[in-house]
PDB file of all heavy atoms in Angstrom:
ATOM      1  N   THR A   1     204.337 135.223 377.624  1.00  0.00           N
ATOM      2  CA  THR A   1     203.925 136.577 378.008  1.00  0.00           C
ATOM      3  C   THR A   1     203.905 137.561 376.844  1.00  0.00           C
ATOM      4  O   THR A   1     203.542 138.707 377.024  1.00  0.00           O
ATOM      5  CB  THR A   1     204.871 137.120 379.095  1.00  0.00           C
ATOM      6  OG1 THR A   1     206.218 137.130 378.594  1.00  0.00           O
ATOM      7  CG2 THR A   1     204.799 136.256 380.344  1.00  0.00           C
ATOM      8  N   GLY A   2     204.276 137.129 375.676  1.00  0.00           N
ATOM      9  CA  GLY A   2     204.317 138.049 374.539  1.00  0.00           C
ATOM     10  C   GLY A   2     202.927 138.521 374.158  1.00  0.00           C
ATOM     11  O   GLY A   2     201.976 137.740 374.103  1.00  0.00           O
ATOM     12  N   THR A   3     202.780 139.809 373.920  1.00  0.00           N
ATOM     13  CA  THR A   3     201.475 140.372 373.547  1.00  0.00           C
ATOM     14  C   THR A   3     200.971 139.779 372.256  1.00  0.00           C
ATOM     15  O   THR A   3     199.783 139.474 372.103  1.00  0.00           O
ATOM     16  CB  THR A   3     201.582 141.905 373.404  1.00  0.00           C
ATOM     17  OG1 THR A   3     202.064 142.445 374.631  1.00  0.00           O
ATOM     18  CG2 THR A   3     200.222 142.500 373.064  1.00  0.00           C
ATOM     19  N   ASP A   4     201.883 139.606 371.285  1.00  0.00           N
ATOM     20  CA  ASP A   4     201.476 139.076 369.986  1.00  0.00           C
ATOM     21  C   ASP A   4     200.885 137.691 370.106  1.00  0.00           C
ATOM     22  O   ASP A   4     199.972 137.327 369.354  1.00  0.00           O
ATOM     23  CB  ASP A   4     202.670 139.060 369.031  1.00  0.00           C
ATOM     24  CG  ASP A   4     203.120 140.466 368.648  1.00  0.00           C
ATOM     25  OD1 ASP A   4     202.320 141.409 368.862  1.00  0.00           O
ATOM     26  OD2 ASP A   4     204.248 140.609 368.149  1.00  0.00           O
ATOM     27  N   ALA A   5     201.396 136.888 371.033  1.00  0.00           N
ATOM     28  CA  ALA A   5     200.890 135.522 371.185  1.00  0.00           C
ATOM     29  C   ALA A   5     199.406 135.530 371.540  1.00  0.00           C
ATOM     30  O   ALA A   5     198.620 134.727 371.024  1.00  0.00           O
ATOM     31  CB  ALA A   5     201.690 134.770 372.242  1.00  0.00           C
ATOM     32  N   GLY A   6     199.008 136.435 372.424  1.00  0.00           N
ATOM     33  CA  GLY A   6     197.605 136.515 372.808  1.00  0.00           C
ATOM     34  C   GLY A   6     196.719 136.945 371.661  1.00  0.00           C
ATOM     35  O   GLY A   6     195.658 136.375 371.429  1.00  0.00           O
ATOM     36  N   VAL A   7     197.149 137.959 370.929  1.00  0.00           N
ATOM     37  CA  VAL A   7     196.379 138.453 369.784  1.00  0.00           C
ATOM     38  C   VAL A   7     196.246 137.361 368.732  1.00  0.00           C
ATOM     39  O   VAL A   7     195.161 137.136 368.164  1.00  0.00           O
ATOM     40  CB  VAL A   7     197.043 139.707 369.187  1.00  0.00           C
ATOM     41  CG1 VAL A   7     196.341 140.107 367.891  1.00  0.00           C
ATOM     42  CG2 VAL A   7     197.023 140.845 370.194  1.00  0.00           C
ATOM     43  N   GLU A   8     197.353 136.658 368.473  1.00  0.00           N
ATOM     44  CA  GLU A   8     197.330 135.597 367.475  1.00  0.00           C
ATOM     45  C   GLU A   8     196.434 134.444 367.902  1.00  0.00           C
ATOM     46  O   GLU A   8     195.717 133.855 367.082  1.00  0.00           O
ATOM     47  CB  GLU A   8     198.749 135.088 367.218  1.00  0.00           C
ATOM     48  CG  GLU A   8     199.645 136.108 366.522  1.00  0.00           C
ATOM     49  CD  GLU A   8     201.096 135.656 366.471  1.00  0.00           C
ATOM     50  OE1 GLU A   8     201.388 134.569 367.030  1.00  0.00           O
ATOM     51  OE2 GLU A   8     201.918 136.380 365.885  1.00  0.00           O
ATOM     52  N   ALA A   9     196.444 134.125 369.191  1.00  0.00           N
ATOM     53  CA  ALA A   9     195.603 133.033 369.680  1.00  0.00           C
ATOM     54  C   ALA A   9     194.121 133.365 369.523  1.00  0.00           C
ATOM     55  O   ALA A   9     193.319 132.544 369.072  1.00  0.00           O
ATOM     56  CB  ALA A   9     195.932 132.725 371.134  1.00  0.00           C
ATOM     57  N   VAL A  10     193.725 134.583 369.890  1.00  0.00           N
ATOM     58  CA  VAL A  10     192.332 134.995 369.749  1.00  0.00           C
ATOM     59  C   VAL A  10     191.944 135.063 368.280  1.00  0.00           C
ATOM     60  O   VAL A  10     190.846 134.651 367.883  1.00  0.00           O
ATOM     61  CB  VAL A  10     192.098 136.345 370.453  1.00  0.00           C
ATOM     62  CG1 VAL A  10     190.695 136.871 370.158  1.00  0.00           C
ATOM     63  CG2 VAL A  10     192.306 136.200 371.955  1.00  0.00           C
ATOM     64  N   ALA A  11     192.855 135.572 367.462  1.00  0.00           N
ATOM     65  CA  ALA A  11     192.585 135.635 366.023  1.00  0.00           C
ATOM     66  C   ALA A  11     192.418 134.240 365.427  1.00  0.00           C
ATOM     67  O   ALA A  11     191.654 134.046 364.474  1.00  0.00           O
ATOM     68  CB  ALA A  11     193.714 136.382 365.308  1.00  0.00           C
ATOM     69  N   ALA A  12     193.100 133.251 366.000  1.00  0.00           N
ATOM     70  CA  ALA A  12     193.029 131.886 365.490  1.00  0.00           C
ATOM     71  C   ALA A  12     191.780 131.158 365.958  1.00  0.00           C
ATOM     72  O   ALA A  12     191.484 130.064 365.474  1.00  0.00           O
ATOM     73  CB  ALA A  12     194.272 131.106 365.920  1.00  0.00           C
ATOM     74  N   GLY A  13     191.056 131.736 366.937  1.00  0.00           N
ATOM     75  CA  GLY A  13     189.801 131.119 367.357  1.00  0.00           C
ATOM     76  C   GLY A  13     189.635 130.924 368.835  1.00  0.00           C
ATOM     77  O   GLY A  13     188.576 130.452 369.280  1.00  0.00           O
ATOM     78  N   ALA A  14     190.651 131.265 369.650  1.00  0.00           N
ATOM     79  CA  ALA A  14     190.500 131.159 371.099  1.00  0.00           C
ATOM     80  C   ALA A  14     189.531 132.219 371.599  1.00  0.00           C
ATOM     81  O   ALA A  14     189.464 133.330 371.059  1.00  0.00           O
ATOM     82  CB  ALA A  14     191.858 131.313 371.785  1.00  0.00           C
ATOM     83  N   GLN A  15     188.777 131.882 372.653  1.00  0.00           N
ATOM     84  CA  GLN A  15     187.855 132.847 373.231  1.00  0.00           C
ATOM     85  C   GLN A  15     188.587 133.873 374.096  1.00  0.00           C
ATOM     86  O   GLN A  15     188.143 135.008 374.228  1.00  0.00           O
ATOM     87  CB  GLN A  15     186.814 132.118 374.079  1.00  0.00           C
ATOM     88  CG  GLN A  15     185.809 131.305 373.278  1.00  0.00           C
ATOM     89  CD  GLN A  15     184.796 132.178 372.569  1.00  0.00           C
ATOM     90  OE1 GLN A  15     184.563 133.308 372.966  1.00  0.00           O
ATOM     91  NE2 GLN A  15     184.215 131.668 371.493  1.00  0.00           N
ATOM     92  N   ASP A  16     189.701 133.471 374.699  1.00  0.00           N
ATOM     93  CA  ASP A  16     190.440 134.377 375.583  1.00  0.00           C
ATOM     94  C   ASP A  16     191.871 133.863 375.711  1.00  0.00           C
ATOM     95  O   ASP A  16     192.178 132.709 375.357  1.00  0.00           O
ATOM     96  CB  ASP A  16     189.782 134.448 376.966  1.00  0.00           C
ATOM     97  CG  ASP A  16     190.034 135.795 377.655  1.00  0.00           C
ATOM     98  OD1 ASP A  16     191.001 136.490 377.261  1.00  0.00           O
ATOM     99  OD2 ASP A  16     189.269 136.125 378.579  1.00  0.00           O
ATOM    100  N   PHE A  17     192.755 134.740 376.218  1.00  0.00           N
ATOM    101  CA  PHE A  17     194.175 134.404 376.401  1.00  0.00           C
ATOM    102  C   PHE A  17     194.594 134.930 377.772  1.00  0.00           C
ATOM    103  O   PHE A  17     194.509 136.131 378.036  1.00  0.00           O
ATOM    104  CB  PHE A  17     195.005 135.072 375.295  1.00  0.00           C
ATOM    105  CG  PHE A  17     196.476 134.773 375.369  1.00  0.00           C
ATOM    106  CD1 PHE A  17     197.019 133.707 374.668  1.00  0.00           C
ATOM    107  CD2 PHE A  17     197.326 135.561 376.139  1.00  0.00           C
ATOM    108  CE1 PHE A  17     198.385 133.429 374.738  1.00  0.00           C
ATOM    109  CE2 PHE A  17     198.684 135.293 376.215  1.00  0.00           C
ATOM    110  CZ  PHE A  17     199.218 134.219 375.505  1.00  0.00           C
ATOM    111  N   LEU A  18     194.998 134.011 378.646  1.00  0.00           N
ATOM    112  CA  LEU A  18     195.397 134.383 379.992  1.00  0.00           C
ATOM    113  C   LEU A  18     196.828 133.923 380.259  1.00  0.00           C
ATOM    114  O   LEU A  18     197.217 132.818 379.861  1.00  0.00           O
ATOM    115  CB  LEU A  18     194.465 133.729 381.025  1.00  0.00           C
ATOM    116  CG  LEU A  18     192.965 134.053 380.901  1.00  0.00           C
ATOM    117  CD1 LEU A  18     192.184 133.273 381.946  1.00  0.00           C
ATOM    118  CD2 LEU A  18     192.724 135.546 381.035  1.00  0.00           C
ATOM    119  N   VAL A  19     197.591 134.786 380.940  1.00  0.00           N
ATOM    120  CA  VAL A  19     198.963 134.439 381.327  1.00  0.00           C
ATOM    121  C   VAL A  19     198.926 133.866 382.737  1.00  0.00           C
ATOM    122  O   VAL A  19     198.335 134.462 383.651  1.00  0.00           O
ATOM    123  CB  VAL A  19     199.867 135.684 381.259  1.00  0.00           C
ATOM    124  CG1 VAL A  19     201.292 135.341 381.719  1.00  0.00           C
ATOM    125  CG2 VAL A  19     199.879 136.255 379.846  1.00  0.00           C
ATOM    126  N   LYS A  20     199.553 132.714 382.934  1.00  0.00           N
ATOM    127  CA  LYS A  20     199.453 131.998 384.212  1.00  0.00           C
ATOM    128  C   LYS A  20     199.840 132.874 385.400  1.00  0.00           C
ATOM    129  O   LYS A  20     199.164 132.860 386.430  1.00  0.00           O
ATOM    130  CB  LYS A  20     200.346 130.761 384.180  1.00  0.00           C
ATOM    131  CG  LYS A  20     199.886 129.678 383.205  1.00  0.00           C
ATOM    132  CD  LYS A  20     200.862 128.505 383.211  1.00  0.00           C
ATOM    133  CE  LYS A  20     200.442 127.434 382.222  1.00  0.00           C
ATOM    134  NZ  LYS A  20     201.395 126.306 382.177  1.00  0.00           N
ATOM    135  N   GLY A  21     200.888 133.612 385.280  1.00  0.00           N
ATOM    136  CA  GLY A  21     201.359 134.402 386.405  1.00  0.00           C
ATOM    137  C   GLY A  21     200.438 135.536 386.783  1.00  0.00           C
ATOM    138  O   GLY A  21     200.540 136.087 387.889  1.00  0.00           O
ATOM    139  N   ASP A  22     199.521 135.923 385.886  1.00  0.00           N
ATOM    140  CA  ASP A  22     198.625 137.047 386.145  1.00  0.00           C
ATOM    141  C   ASP A  22     197.215 136.621 386.530  1.00  0.00           C
ATOM    142  O   ASP A  22     196.342 137.465 386.722  1.00  0.00           O
ATOM    143  CB  ASP A  22     198.531 137.941 384.903  1.00  0.00           C
ATOM    144  CG  ASP A  22     199.879 138.545 384.538  1.00  0.00           C
ATOM    145  OD1 ASP A  22     200.727 138.670 385.443  1.00  0.00           O
ATOM    146  OD2 ASP A  22     200.072 138.866 383.350  1.00  0.00           O
ATOM    147  N   VAL A  23     196.986 135.310 386.612  1.00  0.00           N
ATOM    148  CA  VAL A  23     195.632 134.806 386.808  1.00  0.00           C
ATOM    149  C   VAL A  23     195.349 134.574 388.281  1.00  0.00           C
ATOM    150  O   VAL A  23     196.172 133.994 389.003  1.00  0.00           O
ATOM    151  CB  VAL A  23     195.428 133.489 386.016  1.00  0.00           C
ATOM    152  CG1 VAL A  23     194.084 132.856 386.375  1.00  0.00           C
ATOM    153  CG2 VAL A  23     195.495 133.766 384.532  1.00  0.00           C
ATOM    154  N   ASP A  24     194.162 135.024 388.720  1.00  0.00           N
ATOM    155  CA  ASP A  24     193.685 134.661 390.050  1.00  0.00           C
ATOM    156  C   ASP A  24     192.363 133.901 389.894  1.00  0.00           C
ATOM    157  O   ASP A  24     191.869 133.680 388.777  1.00  0.00           O
ATOM    158  CB  ASP A  24     193.523 135.882 390.944  1.00  0.00           C
ATOM    159  CG  ASP A  24     192.547 136.916 390.378  1.00  0.00           C
ATOM    160  OD1 ASP A  24     191.690 136.543 389.535  1.00  0.00           O
ATOM    161  OD2 ASP A  24     192.640 138.096 390.768  1.00  0.00           O
ATOM    162  N   ALA A  25     191.773 133.513 391.003  1.00  0.00           N
ATOM    163  CA  ALA A  25     190.574 132.670 390.966  1.00  0.00           C
ATOM    164  C   ALA A  25     189.418 133.376 390.260  1.00  0.00           C
ATOM    165  O   ALA A  25     188.742 132.788 389.397  1.00  0.00           O
ATOM    166  CB  ALA A  25     190.177 132.275 392.382  1.00  0.00           C
ATOM    167  N   ASP A  26     189.157 134.629 390.613  1.00  0.00           N
ATOM    168  CA  ASP A  26     188.024 135.334 390.015  1.00  0.00           C
ATOM    169  C   ASP A  26     188.208 135.535 388.517  1.00  0.00           C
ATOM    170  O   ASP A  26     187.262 135.378 387.732  1.00  0.00           O
ATOM    171  CB  ASP A  26     187.839 136.695 390.700  1.00  0.00           C
ATOM    172  CG  ASP A  26     187.343 136.547 392.131  1.00  0.00           C
ATOM    173  OD1 ASP A  26     186.780 135.485 392.445  1.00  0.00           O
ATOM    174  OD2 ASP A  26     187.537 137.496 392.926  1.00  0.00           O
ATOM    175  N   LEU A  27     189.435 135.909 388.118  1.00  0.00           N
ATOM    176  CA  LEU A  27     189.693 136.149 386.693  1.00  0.00           C
ATOM    177  C   LEU A  27     189.503 134.866 385.882  1.00  0.00           C
ATOM    178  O   LEU A  27     188.892 134.880 384.809  1.00  0.00           O
ATOM    179  CB  LEU A  27     191.110 136.685 386.511  1.00  0.00           C
ATOM    180  CG  LEU A  27     191.567 136.918 385.058  1.00  0.00           C
ATOM    181  CD1 LEU A  27     190.647 137.920 384.361  1.00  0.00           C
ATOM    182  CD2 LEU A  27     193.021 137.392 385.024  1.00  0.00           C
ATOM    183  N   LEU A  28     190.010 133.739 386.393  1.00  0.00           N
ATOM    184  CA  LEU A  28     189.902 132.488 385.655  1.00  0.00           C
ATOM    185  C   LEU A  28     188.441 132.037 385.553  1.00  0.00           C
ATOM    186  O   LEU A  28     187.970 131.645 384.473  1.00  0.00           O
ATOM    187  CB  LEU A  28     190.744 131.407 386.327  1.00  0.00           C
ATOM    188  CG  LEU A  28     190.746 130.038 385.629  1.00  0.00           C
ATOM    189  CD1 LEU A  28     191.233 130.170 384.189  1.00  0.00           C
ATOM    190  CD2 LEU A  28     191.596 129.043 386.405  1.00  0.00           C
ATOM    191  N   ALA A  29     187.720 132.095 386.689  1.00  0.00           N
ATOM    192  CA  ALA A  29     186.315 131.681 386.656  1.00  0.00           C
ATOM    193  C   ALA A  29     185.501 132.563 385.721  1.00  0.00           C
ATOM    194  O   ALA A  29     184.652 132.082 384.962  1.00  0.00           O
ATOM    195  CB  ALA A  29     185.734 131.723 388.064  1.00  0.00           C
ATOM    196  N   ARG A  30     185.774 133.867 385.748  1.00  0.00           N
ATOM    197  CA  ARG A  30     185.053 134.794 384.863  1.00  0.00           C
ATOM    198  C   ARG A  30     185.367 134.516 383.398  1.00  0.00           C
ATOM    199  O   ARG A  30     184.476 134.538 382.547  1.00  0.00           O
ATOM    200  CB  ARG A  30     185.400 136.232 385.234  1.00  0.00           C
ATOM    201  CG  ARG A  30     184.589 137.267 384.449  1.00  0.00           C
ATOM    202  CD  ARG A  30     184.698 138.652 385.072  1.00  0.00           C
ATOM    203  NE  ARG A  30     186.084 139.119 385.132  1.00  0.00           N
ATOM    204  CZ  ARG A  30     186.776 139.281 386.246  1.00  0.00           C
ATOM    205  NH1 ARG A  30     186.228 138.994 387.430  1.00  0.00           N
ATOM    206  NH2 ARG A  30     188.023 139.724 386.227  1.00  0.00           N
ATOM    207  N   ALA A  31     186.625 134.229 383.096  1.00  0.00           N
ATOM    208  CA  ALA A  31     187.010 133.947 381.709  1.00  0.00           C
ATOM    209  C   ALA A  31     186.301 132.700 381.185  1.00  0.00           C
ATOM    210  O   ALA A  31     185.838 132.661 380.039  1.00  0.00           O
ATOM    211  CB  ALA A  31     188.523 133.774 381.608  1.00  0.00           C
ATOM    212  N   VAL A  32     186.186 131.675 382.048  1.00  0.00           N
ATOM    213  CA  VAL A  32     185.504 130.450 381.634  1.00  0.00           C
ATOM    214  C   VAL A  32     184.024 130.725 381.404  1.00  0.00           C
ATOM    215  O   VAL A  32     183.449 130.312 380.382  1.00  0.00           O
ATOM    216  CB  VAL A  32     185.692 129.341 382.687  1.00  0.00           C
ATOM    217  CG1 VAL A  32     184.779 128.145 382.377  1.00  0.00           C
ATOM    218  CG2 VAL A  32     187.148 128.893 382.731  1.00  0.00           C
ATOM    219  N   ARG A  33     183.389 131.419 382.354  1.00  0.00           N
ATOM    220  CA  ARG A  33     181.970 131.731 382.190  1.00  0.00           C
ATOM    221  C   ARG A  33     181.718 132.511 380.900  1.00  0.00           C
ATOM    222  O   ARG A  33     180.810 132.205 380.133  1.00  0.00           O
ATOM    223  CB  ARG A  33     181.475 132.557 383.387  1.00  0.00           C
ATOM    224  CG  ARG A  33     181.304 131.777 384.678  1.00  0.00           C
ATOM    225  CD  ARG A  33     180.473 132.605 385.660  1.00  0.00           C
ATOM    226  NE  ARG A  33     180.419 131.994 386.979  1.00  0.00           N
ATOM    227  CZ  ARG A  33     181.210 132.312 387.985  1.00  0.00           C
ATOM    228  NH1 ARG A  33     182.150 133.244 387.815  1.00  0.00           N
ATOM    229  NH2 ARG A  33     181.098 131.720 389.152  1.00  0.00           N
ATOM    230  N   TYR A  34     182.508 133.545 380.685  1.00  0.00           N
ATOM    231  CA  TYR A  34     182.318 134.378 379.491  1.00  0.00           C
ATOM    232  C   TYR A  34     182.544 133.585 378.212  1.00  0.00           C
ATOM    233  O   TYR A  34     181.825 133.756 377.220  1.00  0.00           O
ATOM    234  CB  TYR A  34     183.256 135.590 379.537  1.00  0.00           C
ATOM    235  CG  TYR A  34     182.886 136.651 380.551  1.00  0.00           C
ATOM    236  CD1 TYR A  34     183.660 137.799 380.700  1.00  0.00           C
ATOM    237  CD2 TYR A  34     181.762 136.517 381.354  1.00  0.00           C
ATOM    238  CE1 TYR A  34     183.323 138.781 381.632  1.00  0.00           C
ATOM    239  CE2 TYR A  34     181.424 137.484 382.289  1.00  0.00           C
ATOM    240  CZ  TYR A  34     182.213 138.605 382.421  1.00  0.00           C
ATOM    241  OH  TYR A  34     181.877 139.566 383.341  1.00  0.00           O
ATOM    242  N   ALA A  35     183.555 132.736 378.227  1.00  0.00           N
ATOM    243  CA  ALA A  35     183.842 131.934 377.027  1.00  0.00           C
ATOM    244  C   ALA A  35     182.666 131.024 376.689  1.00  0.00           C
ATOM    245  O   ALA A  35     182.260 130.901 375.523  1.00  0.00           O
ATOM    246  CB  ALA A  35     185.112 131.112 377.242  1.00  0.00           C
ATOM    247  N   VAL A  36     182.130 130.376 377.726  1.00  0.00           N
ATOM    248  CA  VAL A  36     181.004 129.472 377.499  1.00  0.00           C
ATOM    249  C   VAL A  36     179.783 130.245 377.009  1.00  0.00           C
ATOM    250  O   VAL A  36     179.100 129.835 376.061  1.00  0.00           O
ATOM    251  CB  VAL A  36     180.675 128.691 378.789  1.00  0.00           C
ATOM    252  CG1 VAL A  36     179.368 127.914 378.635  1.00  0.00           C
ATOM    253  CG2 VAL A  36     181.822 127.747 379.144  1.00  0.00           C
ATOM    254  N   GLN A  37     179.495 131.391 377.632  1.00  0.00           N
ATOM    255  CA  GLN A  37     178.336 132.178 377.221  1.00  0.00           C
ATOM    256  C   GLN A  37     178.485 132.740 375.817  1.00  0.00           C
ATOM    257  O   GLN A  37     177.520 132.770 375.039  1.00  0.00           O
ATOM    258  CB  GLN A  37     178.090 133.314 378.224  1.00  0.00           C
ATOM    259  CG  GLN A  37     177.608 132.844 379.590  1.00  0.00           C
ATOM    260  CD  GLN A  37     176.293 132.085 379.505  1.00  0.00           C
ATOM    261  OE1 GLN A  37     175.447 132.393 378.672  1.00  0.00           O
ATOM    262  NE2 GLN A  37     176.132 131.081 380.354  1.00  0.00           N
ATOM    263  N   ARG A  38     179.687 133.188 375.476  1.00  0.00           N
ATOM    264  CA  ARG A  38     179.900 133.701 374.112  1.00  0.00           C
ATOM    265  C   ARG A  38     179.660 132.614 373.086  1.00  0.00           C
ATOM    266  O   ARG A  38     179.042 132.856 372.041  1.00  0.00           O
ATOM    267  CB  ARG A  38     181.311 134.272 373.982  1.00  0.00           C
ATOM    268  CG  ARG A  38     181.480 135.679 374.525  1.00  0.00           C
ATOM    269  CD  ARG A  38     182.776 136.315 374.040  1.00  0.00           C
ATOM    270  NE  ARG A  38     183.939 135.603 374.536  1.00  0.00           N
ATOM    271  CZ  ARG A  38     184.584 135.908 375.662  1.00  0.00           C
ATOM    272  NH1 ARG A  38     184.162 136.907 376.409  1.00  0.00           N
ATOM    273  NH2 ARG A  38     185.646 135.222 376.039  1.00  0.00           N
ATOM    274  N   ARG A  39     180.154 131.399 373.374  1.00  0.00           N
ATOM    275  CA  ARG A  39     179.949 130.318 372.421  1.00  0.00           C
ATOM    276  C   ARG A  39     178.466 129.978 372.311  1.00  0.00           C
ATOM    277  O   ARG A  39     177.966 129.715 371.207  1.00  0.00           O
ATOM    278  CB  ARG A  39     180.748 129.093 372.846  1.00  0.00           C
ATOM    279  CG  ARG A  39     180.460 127.838 372.011  1.00  0.00           C
ATOM    280  CD  ARG A  39     180.713 128.040 370.514  1.00  0.00           C
ATOM    281  NE  ARG A  39     182.103 128.250 370.240  1.00  0.00           N
ATOM    282  CZ  ARG A  39     182.975 127.261 370.033  1.00  0.00           C
ATOM    283  NH1 ARG A  39     182.573 126.000 370.077  1.00  0.00           N
ATOM    284  NH2 ARG A  39     184.229 127.537 369.772  1.00  0.00           N
ATOM    285  N   ARG A  40     177.765 129.980 373.437  1.00  0.00           N
ATOM    286  CA  ARG A  40     176.336 129.692 373.369  1.00  0.00           C
ATOM    287  C   ARG A  40     175.599 130.739 372.550  1.00  0.00           C
ATOM    288  O   ARG A  40     174.691 130.411 371.769  1.00  0.00           O
ATOM    289  CB  ARG A  40     175.757 129.615 374.783  1.00  0.00           C
ATOM    290  CG  ARG A  40     176.193 128.371 375.555  1.00  0.00           C
ATOM    291  CD  ARG A  40     175.694 128.381 376.987  1.00  0.00           C
ATOM    292  NE  ARG A  40     176.086 127.178 377.696  1.00  0.00           N
ATOM    293  CZ  ARG A  40     175.915 126.974 378.997  1.00  0.00           C
ATOM    294  NH1 ARG A  40     175.357 127.919 379.744  1.00  0.00           N
ATOM    295  NH2 ARG A  40     176.307 125.837 379.557  1.00  0.00           N
ATOM    296  N   LEU A  41     175.971 131.997 372.717  1.00  0.00           N
ATOM    297  CA  LEU A  41     175.352 133.051 371.915  1.00  0.00           C
ATOM    298  C   LEU A  41     175.688 132.887 370.435  1.00  0.00           C
ATOM    299  O   LEU A  41     174.832 133.093 369.561  1.00  0.00           O
ATOM    300  CB  LEU A  41     175.803 134.422 372.415  1.00  0.00           C
ATOM    301  CG  LEU A  41     175.221 134.877 373.758  1.00  0.00           C
ATOM    302  CD1 LEU A  41     175.880 136.165 374.222  1.00  0.00           C
ATOM    303  CD2 LEU A  41     173.709 135.056 373.651  1.00  0.00           C
ATOM    304  N   GLU A  42     176.942 132.532 370.153  1.00  0.00           N
ATOM    305  CA  GLU A  42     177.338 132.300 368.764  1.00  0.00           C
ATOM    306  C   GLU A  42     176.539 131.158 368.155  1.00  0.00           C
ATOM    307  O   GLU A  42     176.067 131.248 367.019  1.00  0.00           O
ATOM    308  CB  GLU A  42     178.839 132.002 368.690  1.00  0.00           C
ATOM    309  CG  GLU A  42     179.737 133.196 368.996  1.00  0.00           C
ATOM    310  CD  GLU A  42     181.194 132.792 369.128  1.00  0.00           C
ATOM    311  OE1 GLU A  42     181.487 131.580 368.971  1.00  0.00           O
ATOM    312  OE2 GLU A  42     182.032 133.669 369.399  1.00  0.00           O
ATOM    313  N   ASP A  43     176.377 130.062 368.928  1.00  0.00           N
ATOM    314  CA  ASP A  43     175.609 128.919 368.431  1.00  0.00           C
ATOM    315  C   ASP A  43     174.154 129.295 368.207  1.00  0.00           C
ATOM    316  O   ASP A  43     173.525 128.883 367.222  1.00  0.00           O
ATOM    317  CB  ASP A  43     175.703 127.749 369.421  1.00  0.00           C
ATOM    318  CG  ASP A  43     177.095 127.146 369.481  1.00  0.00           C
ATOM    319  OD1 ASP A  43     177.895 127.406 368.555  1.00  0.00           O
ATOM    320  OD2 ASP A  43     177.379 126.414 370.449  1.00  0.00           O
ATOM    321  N   THR A  44     173.601 130.103 369.143  1.00  0.00           N
ATOM    322  CA  THR A  44     172.211 130.539 368.989  1.00  0.00           C
ATOM    323  C   THR A  44     172.050 131.424 367.765  1.00  0.00           C
ATOM    324  O   THR A  44     171.105 131.268 366.985  1.00  0.00           O
ATOM    325  CB  THR A  44     171.750 131.302 370.243  1.00  0.00           C
ATOM    326  OG1 THR A  44     171.838 130.439 371.382  1.00  0.00           O
ATOM    327  CG2 THR A  44     170.306 131.777 370.091  1.00  0.00           C
TER     328      THR A  44
END
């Protein structure tokens, strides 16, 4: 749950950082969709 862990993970190359206890179905599905689309845009 540490804030720094999320920032460090994204800085290291992760598309997003989610804490298990705060995740619901919509948030997780949206994070996956956005991650995939961002990578596709980056590749393009």
